[in-house]
């Protein structure tokens, strides 16, 4: 039995094969292509050829991809979205798409409607649903939208109206029509939850093309029987069908793959991880083997959202970062030669001074032709390294929860540029195969299920609420592809709502299980 893990980064696409004991058989790095798909195909082809294994014994294939992130940032390949907000007239003062960048509103068509419905903060009815109103709207939108986001006021307390609207949409447009319900995606906070749901709806075509392309790439290499999964941004996996429902959960899965891979390689469950690529460095924190989750709203492509995201700091510093000196001031990045490093860096015969050239000049790395960088003044190289240290120290300090020095696991193909010592770091752990930690993280992950809702303990006792939330989280894990009898509870988070008079609590439950 073999497992394939592929992670698409900004510079390289990494691919690995693990055996039945999760031991690395072989790994390859291939430049990430502009269309992403070609880079995946090249990496997969090189991997299969070099590993020389029986393809029929490949049982699982996992992909971590930046496709959804890129689509939002670049405003490309997004679906035309219709937004149905259940909350008229109470929410008419702040309309959908408020504070959105104008260019992405135009790409999504900007269709929205405020209709009757929604709940009060205590679960009381705000407005009754009007099925005729909804069906009339759907007739107007026929052939004008490719996906619909349904957003109910306080649907995080009760979401039956959202689910009813979803059923009506699929009754009119067909069962395959993509519908995103906000109660299944975001947290408390109408506008941020609505924003996340709109983005999820907009990604339906991107995720369809991504999953189809990955399956086709596998089949082209003669791999037909493997179970296929995509990586989520909490360090776990999900099935293709689940990913099609929640494509937004793939955003930021790259850094979380590296964090999970670092945990596996270093055999440490609680530490800080620095993943250095060709363009950026990502810093995250491991808590019980999983990435720490962000507790604040996150902006994606200039849009404020509140769905779950890993607590990651990204710095424009990588192996391909361009080094400059202007009037005695040294800068490193944030621009990078990226996947062209093997043509443009001086150590590889190019003409652009990069962080990798500095590392080779100082003897930190043994790549390329070191004679090509022998002319670089050593004192200048040391000054560049000080700037690199300063950039990393600042980022690490932001991730700390105390003033004490931290232990750091160092991974990523660009990790050769990191100095031997960093202020504020007590110990730097380097692991064998750390250069492909992201692909390893993708392939060793479990399947997760998560459920979040506001419960009123004065009406439903805490024990019953916990049981209900866990049961619903288990259902999500099974939908995502987990084997039911392997699922276990890994996290419970309770946040009392101070403004509520009846002891209301935002309850979030997470479970994990093994893949099929």
Protein backbone atom coordinates (compact mmCIF):
# COMPACT_ATOMS: atom_id res chain seq x y z
CA UNK A 1 0.00 0.00 0.00
CA UNK A 2 1.35 3.42 -0.97
CA UNK A 3 0.15 6.98 -0.43
CA UNK A 4 0.94 9.96 -2.64
CA UNK A 5 1.05 13.49 -1.25
CA UNK A 6 1.32 16.58 -3.45
CA UNK A 7 1.57 20.18 -2.28
CA UNK A 8 1.51 23.13 -4.68
CA UNK A 9 3.61 26.05 -3.48
CA UNK A 10 4.35 29.42 -5.00
CA UNK A 11 7.76 28.24 -6.21
CA UNK A 12 7.77 24.43 -6.26
CA UNK A 13 5.26 21.62 -6.44
CA UNK A 14 6.42 18.88 -4.07
CA UNK A 15 5.38 15.24 -4.42
CA UNK A 16 6.14 12.27 -2.17
CA UNK A 17 5.32 8.59 -1.81
CA UNK A 18 4.90 6.91 1.59
CA UNK A 19 4.70 3.17 2.25
CA UNK A 20 2.19 1.41 4.52
CA UNK A 21 4.28 2.41 7.57
CA UNK A 22 4.26 6.08 6.51
CA UNK A 23 7.97 5.88 5.65
CA UNK A 24 9.17 8.07 2.81
CA UNK A 25 9.96 6.11 -0.35
CA UNK A 26 10.80 8.97 -2.67
CA UNK A 27 10.26 12.71 -3.13
CA UNK A 28 10.57 15.16 -6.00
CA UNK A 29 10.35 18.91 -6.50
CA UNK A 30 9.05 20.38 -9.74
CA UNK A 31 8.67 24.10 -10.58
CA UNK A 32 5.11 25.29 -10.07
CA UNK A 33 3.64 26.21 -13.43
CA UNK A 34 1.51 29.26 -14.18
CA UNK A 35 -1.52 27.02 -14.78
CA UNK A 36 -0.77 24.89 -11.65
CA UNK A 37 -2.05 21.75 -13.42
CA UNK A 38 1.09 21.27 -15.54
CA UNK A 39 3.31 21.48 -12.46
CA UNK A 40 1.23 18.79 -10.74
CA UNK A 41 1.42 16.55 -13.79
CA UNK A 42 5.19 17.00 -14.09
CA UNK A 43 5.79 16.30 -10.38
CA UNK A 44 3.57 13.23 -10.47
CA UNK A 45 5.24 11.85 -13.60
CA UNK A 46 8.75 12.34 -12.19
CA UNK A 47 7.71 10.80 -8.87
CA UNK A 48 6.18 7.64 -10.35
CA UNK A 49 9.10 7.14 -12.71
CA UNK A 50 11.77 7.54 -10.03
CA UNK A 51 10.01 5.51 -7.31
CA UNK A 52 9.55 2.48 -9.58
CA UNK A 53 6.65 0.96 -7.64
CA UNK A 54 3.56 -1.04 -8.55
CA UNK A 55 0.97 1.62 -9.42
CA UNK A 56 -1.91 -0.69 -8.57
CA UNK A 57 -0.82 -0.56 -4.93
CA UNK A 58 -1.27 3.21 -4.65
CA UNK A 59 -4.37 3.45 -2.45
CA UNK A 60 -4.54 7.15 -1.54
CA UNK A 61 -3.64 10.43 -3.23
CA UNK A 62 -3.75 13.79 -1.42
CA UNK A 63 -3.49 17.29 -2.85
CA UNK A 64 -2.78 20.59 -1.15
CA UNK A 65 -3.38 23.40 -3.59
CA UNK A 66 -3.35 27.19 -3.82
CA UNK A 67 -5.94 27.27 -6.60
CA UNK A 68 -8.78 28.71 -4.52
CA UNK A 69 -6.57 31.32 -2.87
CA UNK A 70 -5.18 32.37 -6.24
CA UNK A 71 -8.65 32.61 -7.78
CA UNK A 72 -9.77 35.11 -5.11
CA UNK A 73 -6.57 37.15 -5.09
CA UNK A 74 -6.33 37.26 -8.89
CA UNK A 75 -10.14 37.58 -9.43
CA UNK A 76 -10.08 34.74 -11.96
CA UNK A 77 -12.32 31.75 -12.73
CA UNK A 78 -14.92 32.81 -10.14
CA UNK A 79 -18.59 31.87 -10.52
CA UNK A 80 -21.47 34.34 -10.86
CA UNK A 81 -23.01 34.38 -7.37
CA UNK A 82 -26.48 35.28 -6.17
CA UNK A 83 -26.78 36.24 -2.49
CA UNK A 84 -30.01 35.57 -0.60
CA UNK A 85 -30.04 37.21 2.82
CA UNK A 86 -32.86 36.20 5.17
CA UNK A 87 -33.43 39.33 7.22
CA UNK A 88 -35.60 41.92 5.51
CA UNK A 89 -36.20 44.68 6.53
CA UNK A 90 -34.10 44.51 9.71
CA UNK A 91 -30.72 44.29 7.93
CA UNK A 92 -31.35 46.69 5.05
CA UNK A 93 -29.00 49.34 6.46
CA UNK A 94 -25.91 47.27 5.57
CA UNK A 95 -26.26 45.51 2.21
CA UNK A 96 -24.34 42.48 0.90
CA UNK A 97 -20.98 43.30 -0.71
CA UNK A 98 -20.53 46.34 1.55
CA UNK A 99 -16.80 47.25 1.80
CA UNK A 100 -15.86 44.76 -0.94
CA UNK A 101 -13.30 45.75 -3.59
CA UNK A 102 -15.21 46.83 -6.69
CA UNK A 103 -13.26 44.62 -9.08
CA UNK A 104 -14.37 41.38 -7.43
CA UNK A 105 -18.01 42.53 -7.14
CA UNK A 106 -18.03 42.91 -10.92
CA UNK A 107 -16.57 39.43 -11.37
CA UNK A 108 -19.29 37.88 -9.15
CA UNK A 109 -22.10 39.86 -10.87
CA UNK A 110 -23.18 41.51 -7.59
CA UNK A 111 -26.68 39.99 -7.59
CA UNK A 112 -28.28 39.98 -4.15
CA UNK A 113 -31.71 40.03 -2.54
CA UNK A 114 -32.95 40.76 0.97
CA UNK A 115 -36.01 38.65 1.73
CA UNK A 116 -38.11 37.96 4.81
CA UNK A 117 -36.73 35.56 7.38
CA UNK A 118 -34.06 35.22 10.03
CA UNK A 119 -33.92 34.90 13.84
CA UNK A 120 -33.26 37.10 16.84
CA UNK A 121 -30.11 36.62 18.95
CA UNK A 122 -32.10 34.47 21.41
CA UNK A 123 -33.56 32.18 18.75
CA UNK A 124 -36.93 33.90 18.52
CA UNK A 125 -38.33 34.37 15.02
CA UNK A 126 -37.34 37.60 13.27
CA UNK A 127 -39.31 36.95 10.10
CA UNK A 128 -41.27 34.09 8.61
CA UNK A 129 -40.03 32.58 5.37
CA UNK A 130 -42.11 33.29 2.27
CA UNK A 131 -41.67 30.47 -0.26
CA UNK A 132 -43.45 32.42 -2.99
CA UNK A 133 -41.02 35.31 -2.55
CA UNK A 134 -38.08 32.94 -2.93
CA UNK A 135 -39.46 31.16 -6.00
CA UNK A 136 -40.22 34.49 -7.69
CA UNK A 137 -36.61 35.56 -7.06
CA UNK A 138 -35.27 32.30 -8.49
CA UNK A 139 -37.30 32.84 -11.65
CA UNK A 140 -35.69 36.27 -12.03
CA UNK A 141 -32.21 34.83 -11.54
CA UNK A 142 -32.64 31.94 -13.97
CA UNK A 143 -29.45 31.70 -16.09
CA UNK A 144 -28.01 34.79 -14.36
CA UNK A 145 -26.24 33.04 -11.47
CA UNK A 146 -24.04 29.94 -11.31
CA UNK A 147 -24.07 29.54 -7.54
CA UNK A 148 -26.07 30.90 -4.59
CA UNK A 149 -25.06 31.93 -1.06
CA UNK A 150 -27.84 31.71 1.55
CA UNK A 151 -27.31 33.82 4.67
CA UNK A 152 -29.73 33.96 7.60
CA UNK A 153 -29.62 36.39 10.52
CA UNK A 154 -28.41 34.41 13.58
CA UNK A 155 -28.47 31.16 11.61
CA UNK A 156 -25.67 30.08 13.94
CA UNK A 157 -28.43 29.59 16.52
CA UNK A 158 -31.05 28.10 14.19
CA UNK A 159 -30.37 27.23 10.57
CA UNK A 160 -33.61 25.51 9.49
CA UNK A 161 -34.58 28.50 7.30
CA UNK A 162 -31.28 28.40 5.42
CA UNK A 163 -31.64 24.68 4.81
CA UNK A 164 -35.23 25.15 3.62
CA UNK A 165 -34.10 27.80 1.12
CA UNK A 166 -31.35 25.47 -0.09
CA UNK A 167 -33.96 22.77 -0.74
CA UNK A 168 -36.15 25.24 -2.66
CA UNK A 169 -33.21 26.34 -4.82
CA UNK A 170 -32.29 22.78 -5.73
CA UNK A 171 -35.93 21.98 -6.36
CA UNK A 172 -36.04 24.77 -8.97
CA UNK A 173 -32.48 24.64 -10.37
CA UNK A 174 -31.68 20.98 -9.86
CA UNK A 175 -29.94 18.96 -7.13
CA UNK A 176 -26.48 19.56 -8.59
CA UNK A 177 -26.79 23.35 -8.41
CA UNK A 178 -24.19 24.65 -5.89
CA UNK A 179 -25.69 26.28 -2.78
CA UNK A 180 -23.63 27.55 0.17
CA UNK A 181 -25.32 27.99 3.57
CA UNK A 182 -23.63 30.42 5.93
CA UNK A 183 -24.41 28.41 9.09
CA UNK A 184 -22.16 25.61 7.77
CA UNK A 185 -19.25 27.92 6.93
CA UNK A 186 -18.79 30.97 9.15
CA UNK A 187 -19.14 31.97 12.78
CA UNK A 188 -21.05 34.64 14.69
CA UNK A 189 -21.13 37.99 12.88
CA UNK A 190 -23.52 38.46 9.98
CA UNK A 191 -21.37 40.43 7.53
CA UNK A 192 -18.14 38.42 7.94
CA UNK A 193 -20.09 35.15 7.78
CA UNK A 194 -21.91 36.37 4.68
CA UNK A 195 -18.61 37.35 3.06
CA UNK A 196 -17.11 33.92 3.67
CA UNK A 197 -20.23 32.25 2.27
CA UNK A 198 -20.16 34.37 -0.89
CA UNK A 199 -16.52 33.46 -1.47
CA UNK A 200 -17.29 29.78 -0.92
CA UNK A 201 -20.08 30.00 -3.51
CA UNK A 202 -17.78 31.82 -5.94
CA UNK A 203 -15.21 29.00 -5.84
CA UNK A 204 -17.48 26.22 -7.15
CA UNK A 205 -16.01 26.25 -10.68
CA UNK A 206 -12.43 26.50 -9.42
CA UNK A 207 -12.74 23.47 -7.16
CA UNK A 208 -14.51 21.49 -9.89
CA UNK A 209 -11.66 22.12 -12.31
CA UNK A 210 -9.02 21.44 -9.64
CA UNK A 211 -10.42 18.09 -8.53
CA UNK A 212 -11.12 16.99 -12.10
CA UNK A 213 -7.60 17.93 -13.17
CA UNK A 214 -6.01 16.04 -10.27
CA UNK A 215 -8.00 12.88 -10.96
CA UNK A 216 -7.12 13.10 -14.66
CA UNK A 217 -3.43 13.53 -13.84
CA UNK A 218 -3.55 10.40 -11.68
CA UNK A 219 -5.35 8.42 -14.36
CA UNK A 220 -2.87 9.58 -17.01
CA UNK A 221 -0.13 7.98 -14.89
CA UNK A 222 -2.13 4.76 -14.61
CA UNK A 223 -3.48 5.35 -11.09
CA UNK A 224 -7.19 4.49 -11.16
CA UNK A 225 -8.12 2.96 -7.80
CA UNK A 226 -6.72 5.52 -5.33
CA UNK A 227 -8.99 7.34 -2.90
CA UNK A 228 -8.52 11.05 -3.61
CA UNK A 229 -8.52 13.76 -0.95
CA UNK A 230 -7.90 17.50 -0.73
CA UNK A 231 -6.21 19.23 2.19
CA UNK A 232 -8.14 21.47 4.57
CA UNK A 233 -6.69 24.49 6.33
CA UNK A 234 -6.89 22.91 9.79
CA UNK A 235 -4.28 20.28 8.94
CA UNK A 236 -6.73 17.54 7.96
CA UNK A 237 -8.19 16.10 4.76
CA UNK A 238 -11.55 15.99 3.01
CA UNK A 239 -13.04 13.96 0.18
CA UNK A 240 -13.58 15.45 -3.28
CA UNK A 241 -17.35 15.64 -2.78
CA UNK A 242 -16.93 17.46 0.53
CA UNK A 243 -14.38 19.82 -1.02
CA UNK A 244 -16.91 20.73 -3.72
CA UNK A 245 -19.32 21.82 -0.98
CA UNK A 246 -16.70 23.76 1.01
CA UNK A 247 -13.89 24.84 -1.35
CA UNK A 248 -13.05 27.79 0.92
CA UNK A 249 -11.62 25.30 3.45
CA UNK A 250 -8.65 24.72 1.12
CA UNK A 251 -7.45 28.31 1.62
CA UNK A 252 -4.16 28.41 3.57
CA UNK A 253 -3.83 24.61 3.52
CA UNK A 254 -0.20 24.90 2.34
CA UNK A 255 1.21 26.29 5.61
CA UNK A 256 -0.87 23.86 7.66
CA UNK A 257 0.49 20.94 5.62
CA UNK A 258 4.00 22.06 6.49
CA UNK A 259 3.11 22.41 10.17
CA UNK A 260 1.61 18.90 10.27
CA UNK A 261 4.58 17.52 8.34
CA UNK A 262 7.00 19.21 10.74
CA UNK A 263 5.19 17.66 13.70
CA UNK A 264 5.44 14.22 12.12
CA UNK A 265 9.11 14.53 11.13
CA UNK A 266 10.27 16.02 14.45
CA UNK A 267 7.91 13.88 16.54
CA UNK A 268 6.82 16.99 18.47
CA UNK A 269 3.21 17.99 19.12
CA UNK A 270 3.69 21.40 20.72
CA UNK A 271 6.17 23.81 19.16
CA UNK A 272 6.63 26.65 16.68
CA UNK A 273 7.25 25.87 13.00
CA UNK A 274 9.06 27.96 10.38
CA UNK A 275 8.42 26.89 6.79
CA UNK A 276 10.66 28.68 4.28
CA UNK A 277 9.74 28.40 0.64
CA UNK A 278 11.06 30.12 -2.44
CA UNK A 279 8.94 33.24 -2.04
CA UNK A 280 7.58 33.41 1.52
CA UNK A 281 8.23 32.14 5.03
CA UNK A 282 5.24 30.94 7.03
CA UNK A 283 5.31 30.74 10.82
CA UNK A 284 2.71 28.79 12.77
CA UNK A 285 2.24 27.09 16.11
CA UNK A 286 1.56 23.43 16.83
CA UNK A 287 -0.92 22.64 19.60
CA UNK A 288 -1.39 18.92 20.28
CA UNK A 289 -0.16 18.15 16.78
CA UNK A 290 -2.52 20.53 14.95
CA UNK A 291 -2.05 24.13 13.79
CA UNK A 292 -3.27 26.81 16.19
CA UNK A 293 -6.42 28.44 14.87
CA UNK A 294 -6.74 32.18 14.42
CA UNK A 295 -9.13 33.88 16.85
CA UNK A 296 -9.63 37.03 14.78
CA UNK A 297 -11.37 37.85 11.53
CA UNK A 298 -9.16 37.25 8.50
CA UNK A 299 -9.01 39.18 5.24
CA UNK A 300 -8.80 37.19 2.01
CA UNK A 301 -8.22 39.19 -1.14
CA UNK A 302 -9.31 42.35 0.67
CA UNK A 303 -12.52 40.77 2.01
CA UNK A 304 -13.10 40.40 5.75
CA UNK A 305 -14.30 36.92 6.78
CA UNK A 306 -14.75 34.88 9.97
CA UNK A 307 -14.54 31.26 8.91
CA UNK A 308 -11.88 29.10 10.49
CA UNK A 309 -8.32 29.89 9.47
CA UNK A 310 -4.93 28.83 10.83
CA UNK A 311 -2.98 31.35 12.90
CA UNK A 312 -0.17 31.97 10.43
CA UNK A 313 2.17 34.87 9.81
CA UNK A 314 3.66 35.08 6.33
CA UNK A 315 6.80 37.07 5.58
CA UNK A 316 7.99 37.96 2.08
CA UNK A 317 11.24 36.06 2.59
CA UNK A 318 12.33 32.89 0.80
CA UNK A 319 15.16 31.23 -1.04
CA UNK A 320 14.41 33.24 -4.16
CA UNK A 321 14.00 36.60 -2.41
CA UNK A 322 15.83 39.35 -4.30
CA UNK A 323 18.61 41.14 -2.38
CA UNK A 324 19.22 44.84 -3.03
CA UNK A 325 21.35 47.65 -1.63
CA UNK A 326 20.28 51.28 -2.03
CA UNK A 327 22.34 54.05 -0.43
CA UNK A 328 23.71 51.62 2.12
CA UNK A 329 20.30 50.18 3.02
CA UNK A 330 19.93 46.45 2.43
CA UNK A 331 16.57 44.89 1.60
CA UNK A 332 15.65 41.23 1.17
CA UNK A 333 12.37 40.62 -0.69
CA UNK A 334 9.45 40.75 -0.61
CA UNK A 335 9.74 40.17 -4.37
CA UNK A 336 11.27 36.89 -5.47
CA UNK A 337 12.46 35.13 -8.60
CA UNK A 338 10.13 32.32 -7.47
CA UNK A 339 10.11 29.19 -9.57
CA UNK A 340 12.71 30.77 -11.91
CA UNK A 341 15.41 30.54 -9.24
CA UNK A 342 17.31 27.82 -11.10
CA UNK A 343 17.69 30.20 -14.06
CA UNK A 344 18.00 33.60 -12.38
CA UNK A 345 19.99 33.13 -9.14
CA UNK A 346 23.71 33.87 -9.50
CA UNK A 347 24.73 30.54 -8.00
CA UNK A 348 22.89 28.81 -10.86
CA UNK A 349 24.40 31.00 -13.57
CA UNK A 350 21.84 33.81 -13.52
CA UNK A 351 22.23 37.51 -12.83
CA UNK A 352 19.88 38.20 -9.91
CA UNK A 353 21.25 38.31 -6.36
CA UNK A 354 19.04 36.20 -4.10
CA UNK A 355 18.97 35.03 -0.49
CA UNK A 356 20.19 31.61 -1.69
CA UNK A 357 23.31 33.20 -3.18
CA UNK A 358 24.06 34.78 0.19
CA UNK A 359 23.59 31.45 2.00
CA UNK A 360 26.01 29.72 -0.39
CA UNK A 361 28.56 32.53 -0.05
CA UNK A 362 28.50 32.19 3.75
CA UNK A 363 28.81 28.40 3.60
CA UNK A 364 25.30 27.76 4.95
CA UNK A 365 24.25 25.86 1.84
CA UNK A 366 25.85 23.64 -0.77
CA UNK A 367 23.81 24.16 -3.92
CA UNK A 368 24.69 25.31 -7.40
CA UNK A 369 28.20 26.47 -8.25
CA UNK A 370 29.70 28.27 -5.27
CA UNK A 371 32.51 29.72 -7.38
CA UNK A 372 29.91 31.92 -9.08
CA UNK A 373 29.26 33.79 -5.80
CA UNK A 374 32.88 33.99 -4.61
CA UNK A 375 33.04 37.64 -5.75
CA UNK A 376 30.33 38.70 -3.24
CA UNK A 377 31.92 40.67 -0.40
CA UNK A 378 31.71 38.56 2.75
CA UNK A 379 30.93 41.51 5.01
CA UNK A 380 28.07 42.47 2.71
CA UNK A 381 26.80 38.89 2.85
CA UNK A 382 26.89 38.98 6.65
CA UNK A 383 24.94 42.24 6.62
CA UNK A 384 22.29 40.60 4.42
CA UNK A 385 22.07 37.69 6.83
CA UNK A 386 21.51 40.13 9.70
CA UNK A 387 18.56 41.59 7.77
CA UNK A 388 17.18 38.06 7.24
CA UNK A 389 17.55 37.38 10.97
CA UNK A 390 15.76 40.63 11.82
CA UNK A 391 12.79 39.79 9.55
CA UNK A 392 12.42 36.34 11.12
CA UNK A 393 12.85 37.59 14.69
CA UNK A 394 10.07 40.11 14.24
CA UNK A 395 7.66 37.52 12.85
CA UNK A 396 8.48 34.95 15.53
CA UNK A 397 7.93 37.53 18.29
CA UNK A 398 4.44 38.22 16.92
CA UNK A 399 3.53 34.53 17.27
CA UNK A 400 4.77 34.17 20.84
CA UNK A 401 2.38 34.14 23.78
CA UNK A 402 5.15 34.98 26.29
CA UNK A 403 8.58 36.61 26.34
CA UNK A 404 10.36 33.26 26.79
CA UNK A 405 12.54 31.77 24.08
CA UNK A 406 10.79 29.18 21.92
CA UNK A 407 11.79 25.94 20.24
CA UNK A 408 11.57 26.12 16.45
CA UNK A 409 11.20 23.33 13.89
CA UNK A 410 12.66 24.44 10.57
CA UNK A 411 11.29 23.00 7.31
CA UNK A 412 10.88 23.99 3.67
CA UNK A 413 13.06 23.98 0.60
CA UNK A 414 14.25 27.52 1.32
CA UNK A 415 15.33 26.79 4.89
CA UNK A 416 18.99 26.94 3.81
CA UNK A 417 18.82 30.75 4.10
CA UNK A 418 17.99 30.69 7.83
CA UNK A 419 20.90 31.59 10.18
CA UNK A 420 22.17 29.02 12.68
CA UNK A 421 20.87 31.12 15.59
CA UNK A 422 17.91 33.48 15.93
CA UNK A 423 17.27 35.76 18.89
CA UNK A 424 14.27 34.59 20.88
CA UNK A 425 14.73 30.98 19.75
CA UNK A 426 16.23 28.52 22.21
CA UNK A 427 16.70 25.63 19.79
CA UNK A 428 16.33 25.17 16.03
CA UNK A 429 15.38 21.63 15.00
CA UNK A 430 16.20 20.57 11.45
CA UNK A 431 14.73 17.30 10.21
CA UNK A 432 15.64 14.93 7.45
CA UNK A 433 13.22 15.41 4.53
CA UNK A 434 12.14 18.78 5.94
CA UNK A 435 12.29 20.17 2.41
CA UNK A 436 9.12 18.25 1.54
CA UNK A 437 7.37 18.57 4.93
CA UNK A 438 4.37 20.12 3.17
CA UNK A 439 3.76 17.07 0.96
CA UNK A 440 4.36 14.74 3.90
CA UNK A 441 1.84 16.71 5.97
CA UNK A 442 -0.68 16.33 3.16
CA UNK A 443 -0.28 12.57 3.06
CA UNK A 444 -0.28 11.69 6.78
CA UNK A 445 -3.28 13.77 7.81
CA UNK A 446 -6.57 12.50 9.18
CA UNK A 447 -10.12 13.43 8.20
CA UNK A 448 -11.80 16.02 10.39
CA UNK A 449 -15.30 17.17 11.16
CA UNK A 450 -16.19 20.40 12.90
CA UNK A 451 -19.45 21.87 14.14
CA UNK A 452 -20.14 25.25 15.67
CA UNK A 453 -23.40 26.62 17.05
CA UNK A 454 -24.74 28.89 19.77
CA UNK A 455 -26.43 26.84 22.49
CA UNK A 456 -28.53 28.25 25.35
CA UNK A 457 -27.62 26.09 28.33
CA UNK A 458 -30.61 27.29 30.36
CA UNK A 459 -32.86 25.63 27.76
CA UNK A 460 -30.66 22.72 26.73
CA UNK A 461 -28.26 21.40 29.42
CA UNK A 462 -24.54 21.59 28.68
CA UNK A 463 -24.16 17.79 28.48
CA UNK A 464 -26.98 17.52 25.93
CA UNK A 465 -25.56 20.43 23.94
CA UNK A 466 -22.10 18.84 23.85
CA UNK A 467 -23.59 15.54 22.72
CA UNK A 468 -25.60 17.23 19.97
CA UNK A 469 -22.61 19.23 18.70
CA UNK A 470 -20.36 16.15 18.73
CA UNK A 471 -22.91 14.08 16.82
CA UNK A 472 -23.14 16.78 14.16
CA UNK A 473 -19.33 17.07 13.98
CA UNK A 474 -19.12 13.29 13.49
CA UNK A 475 -21.61 13.55 10.60
CA UNK A 476 -19.39 16.20 9.00
CA UNK A 477 -16.33 13.96 9.39
CA UNK A 478 -18.13 11.04 7.74
CA UNK A 479 -19.23 13.30 4.88
CA UNK A 480 -15.61 14.39 4.51
CA UNK A 481 -14.52 10.75 4.15
CA UNK A 482 -13.68 9.46 7.65
CA UNK A 483 -14.30 5.88 8.75
CA UNK A 484 -17.06 6.16 11.37
CA UNK A 485 -15.65 3.77 13.99
CA UNK A 486 -12.26 5.57 14.04
CA UNK A 487 -13.63 9.04 14.83
CA UNK A 488 -12.61 10.61 18.12
CA UNK A 489 -13.14 13.95 19.86
CA UNK A 490 -10.04 16.17 19.82
CA UNK A 491 -11.24 19.68 20.69
CA UNK A 492 -14.08 21.44 22.52
CA UNK A 493 -14.20 25.22 22.69
CA UNK A 494 -16.85 27.11 24.68
CA UNK A 495 -17.24 30.89 24.52
CA UNK A 496 -19.97 32.43 26.71
CA UNK A 497 -21.87 35.31 25.08
CA UNK A 498 -21.90 38.12 27.63
CA UNK A 499 -24.75 40.01 25.96
CA UNK A 500 -27.19 37.09 26.17
CA UNK A 501 -29.47 36.91 29.24
CA UNK A 502 -29.89 33.11 29.23
CA UNK A 503 -26.36 31.74 29.51
CA UNK A 504 -25.84 31.33 25.75
CA UNK A 505 -22.52 29.82 24.69
CA UNK A 506 -20.80 29.51 21.34
CA UNK A 507 -19.81 25.86 21.25
CA UNK A 508 -17.30 24.48 18.75
CA UNK A 509 -16.48 20.79 18.56
CA UNK A 510 -13.85 19.09 16.40
CA UNK A 511 -13.40 15.37 15.75
CA UNK A 512 -10.92 13.43 13.60
CA UNK A 513 -10.88 9.97 12.11
CA UNK A 514 -8.89 7.80 9.70
CA UNK A 515 -9.41 7.97 5.95
CA UNK A 516 -11.05 5.10 4.08
